């Protein structure tokens, strides 16, 4: 048995399809959703959201949002979201370096600017870590075997 899953961010649809499981970073910890899950609504934290279809898995970085489960339908409305396969590591690294440089400039702790820089630093680090951990490895073609 499967369930329907739709994942959207503010600017685009990230995924839509039938899945066996959804693993999401809620604000109270990582949660797993399987078919016939009880209805629920929860807020999402920054982290990696994964969907499983048999042996296959797709992963996304998300930064906040909500997840709703009802009648074998999982709907994720992410504040910010991105497919891990689409992450530009160089761009994420540059964003991390910019945020670190701003923090070194002495932004007063606890200010709105400080909190925004901390959030940007956290998002860029998540994107880099997720890409390294979850990005599908490209398989190298094996050399032809010689028969003896």
C-alpha atoms as a PDB file:
ATOM      1  CA  UNK A   1       0.000   0.000   0.000  1.00  0.00           C
ATOM      2  CA  UNK A   2       1.207   3.509  -0.809  1.00  0.00           C
ATOM      3  CA  UNK A   3       0.110   7.048  -0.030  1.00  0.00           C
ATOM      4  CA  UNK A   4       0.112  10.249  -2.040  1.00  0.00           C
ATOM      5  CA  UNK A   5       2.792  12.820  -1.236  1.00  0.00           C
ATOM      6  CA  UNK A   6       3.016  16.402  -2.467  1.00  0.00           C
ATOM      7  CA  UNK A   7       5.949  18.619  -1.488  1.00  0.00           C
ATOM      8  CA  UNK A   8       5.834  22.290  -2.446  1.00  0.00           C
ATOM      9  CA  UNK A   9       7.861  25.338  -1.520  1.00  0.00           C
ATOM     10  CA  UNK A  10       6.784  28.945  -1.872  1.00  0.00           C
ATOM     11  CA  UNK A  11       7.933  29.114  -5.474  1.00  0.00           C
ATOM     12  CA  UNK A  12       7.639  25.591  -6.940  1.00  0.00           C
ATOM     13  CA  UNK A  13       6.490  22.013  -6.666  1.00  0.00           C
ATOM     14  CA  UNK A  14       9.350  19.784  -5.527  1.00  0.00           C
ATOM     15  CA  UNK A  15       7.677  16.363  -5.644  1.00  0.00           C
ATOM     16  CA  UNK A  16       4.366  14.726  -6.318  1.00  0.00           C
ATOM     17  CA  UNK A  17       3.778  10.984  -6.370  1.00  0.00           C
ATOM     18  CA  UNK A  18       2.920   7.772  -4.567  1.00  0.00           C
ATOM     19  CA  UNK A  19       5.327   6.792  -1.781  1.00  0.00           C
ATOM     20  CA  UNK A  20       5.807   4.091   0.832  1.00  0.00           C
ATOM     21  CA  UNK A  21       7.153   6.408   3.548  1.00  0.00           C
ATOM     22  CA  UNK A  22       7.918  10.042   4.364  1.00  0.00           C
ATOM     23  CA  UNK A  23      10.609  10.957   6.913  1.00  0.00           C
ATOM     24  CA  UNK A  24      10.514  14.622   7.942  1.00  0.00           C
ATOM     25  CA  UNK A  25      12.274  16.972  10.391  1.00  0.00           C
ATOM     26  CA  UNK A  26       9.495  18.267  12.639  1.00  0.00           C
ATOM     27  CA  UNK A  27      10.105  20.855  15.330  1.00  0.00           C
ATOM     28  CA  UNK A  28       9.732  18.064  17.922  1.00  0.00           C
ATOM     29  CA  UNK A  29      12.123  15.641  16.193  1.00  0.00           C
ATOM     30  CA  UNK A  30      12.268  13.448  13.110  1.00  0.00           C
ATOM     31  CA  UNK A  31       8.944  11.808  12.237  1.00  0.00           C
ATOM     32  CA  UNK A  32       8.065   8.916   9.962  1.00  0.00           C
ATOM     33  CA  UNK A  33       4.778   8.654   8.092  1.00  0.00           C
ATOM     34  CA  UNK A  34       3.549   5.325   6.679  1.00  0.00           C
ATOM     35  CA  UNK A  35       0.293   4.488   4.860  1.00  0.00           C
ATOM     36  CA  UNK A  36      -2.816   4.604   7.086  1.00  0.00           C
ATOM     37  CA  UNK A  37      -1.135   7.098   9.450  1.00  0.00           C
ATOM     38  CA  UNK A  38      -3.511   8.955  11.756  1.00  0.00           C
ATOM     39  CA  UNK A  39      -4.437  12.464  10.608  1.00  0.00           C
ATOM     40  CA  UNK A  40      -2.019  15.090  11.893  1.00  0.00           C
ATOM     41  CA  UNK A  41      -0.661  18.567  11.359  1.00  0.00           C
ATOM     42  CA  UNK A  42       2.846  19.497  12.463  1.00  0.00           C
ATOM     43  CA  UNK A  43       5.374  22.273  11.955  1.00  0.00           C
ATOM     44  CA  UNK A  44       8.638  21.489  10.215  1.00  0.00           C
ATOM     45  CA  UNK A  45      12.151  22.437  11.191  1.00  0.00           C
ATOM     46  CA  UNK A  46      15.221  22.947   9.040  1.00  0.00           C
ATOM     47  CA  UNK A  47      16.542  19.587   7.839  1.00  0.00           C
ATOM     48  CA  UNK A  48      16.329  16.807   5.288  1.00  0.00           C
ATOM     49  CA  UNK A  49      12.957  15.444   4.213  1.00  0.00           C
ATOM     50  CA  UNK A  50      13.040  12.025   2.524  1.00  0.00           C
ATOM     51  CA  UNK A  51      10.453  10.053   0.575  1.00  0.00           C
ATOM     52  CA  UNK A  52      10.813   6.326  -0.066  1.00  0.00           C
ATOM     53  CA  UNK A  53       9.359   4.380  -2.956  1.00  0.00           C
ATOM     54  CA  UNK A  54      10.368   0.729  -2.686  1.00  0.00           C
ATOM     55  CA  UNK A  55      14.166   0.662  -2.827  1.00  0.00           C
ATOM     56  CA  UNK A  56      14.378   4.236  -4.131  1.00  0.00           C
ATOM     57  CA  UNK A  57      14.631   7.357  -2.011  1.00  0.00           C
ATOM     58  CA  UNK A  58      14.512  11.053  -2.875  1.00  0.00           C
ATOM     59  CA  UNK A  59      15.753  13.699  -0.476  1.00  0.00           C
ATOM     60  CA  UNK A  60      15.083  17.425  -0.108  1.00  0.00           C
ATOM     61  CA  UNK A  61      16.420  20.162   2.138  1.00  0.00           C
ATOM     62  CA  UNK A  62      13.691  22.192   3.790  1.00  0.00           C
ATOM     63  CA  UNK A  63      13.688  25.188   6.073  1.00  0.00           C
ATOM     64  CA  UNK A  64      10.458  25.316   8.010  1.00  0.00           C
ATOM     65  CA  UNK A  65       6.885  24.844   6.946  1.00  0.00           C
ATOM     66  CA  UNK A  66       4.033  22.491   7.789  1.00  0.00           C
ATOM     67  CA  UNK A  67       3.203  18.843   7.126  1.00  0.00           C
ATOM     68  CA  UNK A  68      -0.357  17.533   7.017  1.00  0.00           C
ATOM     69  CA  UNK A  69      -1.476  13.905   6.920  1.00  0.00           C
ATOM     70  CA  UNK A  70      -5.047  12.982   6.000  1.00  0.00           C
ATOM     71  CA  UNK A  71      -6.573   9.906   4.327  1.00  0.00           C
ATOM     72  CA  UNK A  72      -3.274   8.545   2.921  1.00  0.00           C
ATOM     73  CA  UNK A  73      -2.262  11.960   1.604  1.00  0.00           C
ATOM     74  CA  UNK A  74       0.844  13.733   2.909  1.00  0.00           C
ATOM     75  CA  UNK A  75       1.124  17.403   2.036  1.00  0.00           C
ATOM     76  CA  UNK A  76       4.301  19.335   2.795  1.00  0.00           C
ATOM     77  CA  UNK A  77       4.239  23.122   2.504  1.00  0.00           C
ATOM     78  CA  UNK A  78       7.888  24.098   2.953  1.00  0.00           C
ATOM     79  CA  UNK A  79       8.911  27.709   3.570  1.00  0.00           C
ATOM     80  CA  UNK A  80      12.067  26.973   1.543  1.00  0.00           C
ATOM     81  CA  UNK A  81      12.854  23.674  -0.165  1.00  0.00           C
ATOM     82  CA  UNK A  82      15.237  22.182  -2.692  1.00  0.00           C
ATOM     83  CA  UNK A  83      15.930  18.777  -4.229  1.00  0.00           C
ATOM     84  CA  UNK A  84      19.281  17.579  -2.977  1.00  0.00           C
ATOM     85  CA  UNK A  85      20.302  16.562  -6.500  1.00  0.00           C
ATOM     86  CA  UNK A  86      19.917  20.234  -7.532  1.00  0.00           C
ATOM     87  CA  UNK A  87      22.095  21.788  -4.807  1.00  0.00           C
ATOM     88  CA  UNK A  88      24.996  23.847  -6.134  1.00  0.00           C
ATOM     89  CA  UNK A  89      27.791  23.090  -3.650  1.00  0.00           C
ATOM     90  CA  UNK A  90      29.901  26.067  -4.729  1.00  0.00           C
ATOM     91  CA  UNK A  91      26.959  28.438  -4.193  1.00  0.00           C
ATOM     92  CA  UNK A  92      26.232  26.901  -0.776  1.00  0.00           C
ATOM     93  CA  UNK A  93      29.885  27.225   0.204  1.00  0.00           C
ATOM     94  CA  UNK A  94      29.956  30.874  -0.910  1.00  0.00           C
ATOM     95  CA  UNK A  95      26.785  31.598   1.118  1.00  0.00           C
ATOM     96  CA  UNK A  96      28.358  29.992   4.183  1.00  0.00           C
ATOM     97  CA  UNK A  97      31.529  32.061   3.776  1.00  0.00           C
ATOM     98  CA  UNK A  98      29.490  35.288   3.394  1.00  0.00           C
ATOM     99  CA  UNK A  99      27.508  34.529   6.555  1.00  0.00           C
ATOM    100  CA  UNK A 100      30.672  33.717   8.514  1.00  0.00           C
ATOM    101  CA  UNK A 101      32.300  36.953   7.311  1.00  0.00           C
ATOM    102  CA  UNK A 102      29.263  38.978   8.452  1.00  0.00           C
ATOM    103  CA  UNK A 103      29.424  37.352  11.892  1.00  0.00           C
ATOM    104  CA  UNK A 104      33.130  38.206  12.165  1.00  0.00           C
ATOM    105  CA  UNK A 105      32.243  41.861  11.501  1.00  0.00           C
ATOM    106  CA  UNK A 106      30.695  41.961  14.957  1.00  0.00           C
ATOM    107  CA  UNK A 107      26.959  42.002  14.437  1.00  0.00           C
ATOM    108  CA  UNK A 108      25.432  42.410  17.930  1.00  0.00           C
ATOM    109  CA  UNK A 109      24.164  39.078  19.271  1.00  0.00           C
ATOM    110  CA  UNK A 110      20.394  38.825  19.583  1.00  0.00           C
ATOM    111  CA  UNK A 111      19.607  41.463  16.964  1.00  0.00           C
ATOM    112  CA  UNK A 112      17.389  40.725  13.972  1.00  0.00           C
ATOM    113  CA  UNK A 113      20.434  40.964  11.671  1.00  0.00           C
ATOM    114  CA  UNK A 114      22.343  38.464  13.810  1.00  0.00           C
ATOM    115  CA  UNK A 115      19.428  35.994  13.766  1.00  0.00           C
ATOM    116  CA  UNK A 116      19.081  36.305   9.982  1.00  0.00           C
ATOM    117  CA  UNK A 117      22.794  35.669   9.484  1.00  0.00           C
ATOM    118  CA  UNK A 118      22.672  32.658  11.822  1.00  0.00           C
ATOM    119  CA  UNK A 119      19.702  31.251   9.844  1.00  0.00           C
ATOM    120  CA  UNK A 120      21.548  31.763   6.538  1.00  0.00           C
ATOM    121  CA  UNK A 121      24.614  30.038   7.978  1.00  0.00           C
ATOM    122  CA  UNK A 122      22.508  27.113   9.180  1.00  0.00           C
ATOM    123  CA  UNK A 123      20.759  26.758   5.780  1.00  0.00           C
ATOM    124  CA  UNK A 124      24.018  26.832   3.830  1.00  0.00           C
ATOM    125  CA  UNK A 125      25.598  24.253   6.142  1.00  0.00           C
ATOM    126  CA  UNK A 126      22.512  22.023   5.798  1.00  0.00           C
ATOM    127  CA  UNK A 127      22.674  22.243   1.997  1.00  0.00           C
ATOM    128  CA  UNK A 128      26.382  21.319   1.953  1.00  0.00           C
ATOM    129  CA  UNK A 129      26.000  18.441   4.420  1.00  0.00           C
ATOM    130  CA  UNK A 130      22.885  17.073   2.700  1.00  0.00           C
ATOM    131  CA  UNK A 131      24.454  17.178  -0.748  1.00  0.00           C
ATOM    132  CA  UNK A 132      27.485  15.272   0.473  1.00  0.00           C
ATOM    133  CA  UNK A 133      25.432  12.697   2.342  1.00  0.00           C
ATOM    134  CA  UNK A 134      22.403  12.082   0.136  1.00  0.00           C
ATOM    135  CA  UNK A 135      23.400  13.001  -3.393  1.00  0.00           C
ATOM    136  CA  UNK A 136      23.238   9.973  -5.631  1.00  0.00           C
ATOM    137  CA  UNK A 137      26.643   8.661  -6.529  1.00  0.00           C
ATOM    138  CA  UNK A 138      27.221   8.592 -10.245  1.00  0.00           C
ATOM    139  CA  UNK A 139      28.154   5.075 -11.203  1.00  0.00           C
ATOM    140  CA  UNK A 140      31.225   4.695 -13.321  1.00  0.00           C
ATOM    141  CA  UNK A 141      30.856   2.258 -16.183  1.00  0.00           C
ATOM    142  CA  UNK A 142      32.760  -0.899 -15.452  1.00  0.00           C
ATOM    143  CA  UNK A 143      35.512  -1.972 -17.768  1.00  0.00           C
ATOM    144  CA  UNK A 144      34.595  -4.766 -20.161  1.00  0.00           C
ATOM    145  CA  UNK A 145      35.590  -8.166 -18.902  1.00  0.00           C
ATOM    146  CA  UNK A 146      37.929 -10.275 -20.897  1.00  0.00           C
ATOM    147  CA  UNK A 147      36.803 -13.829 -21.335  1.00  0.00           C
ATOM    148  CA  UNK A 148      39.392 -16.517 -20.848  1.00  0.00           C
END
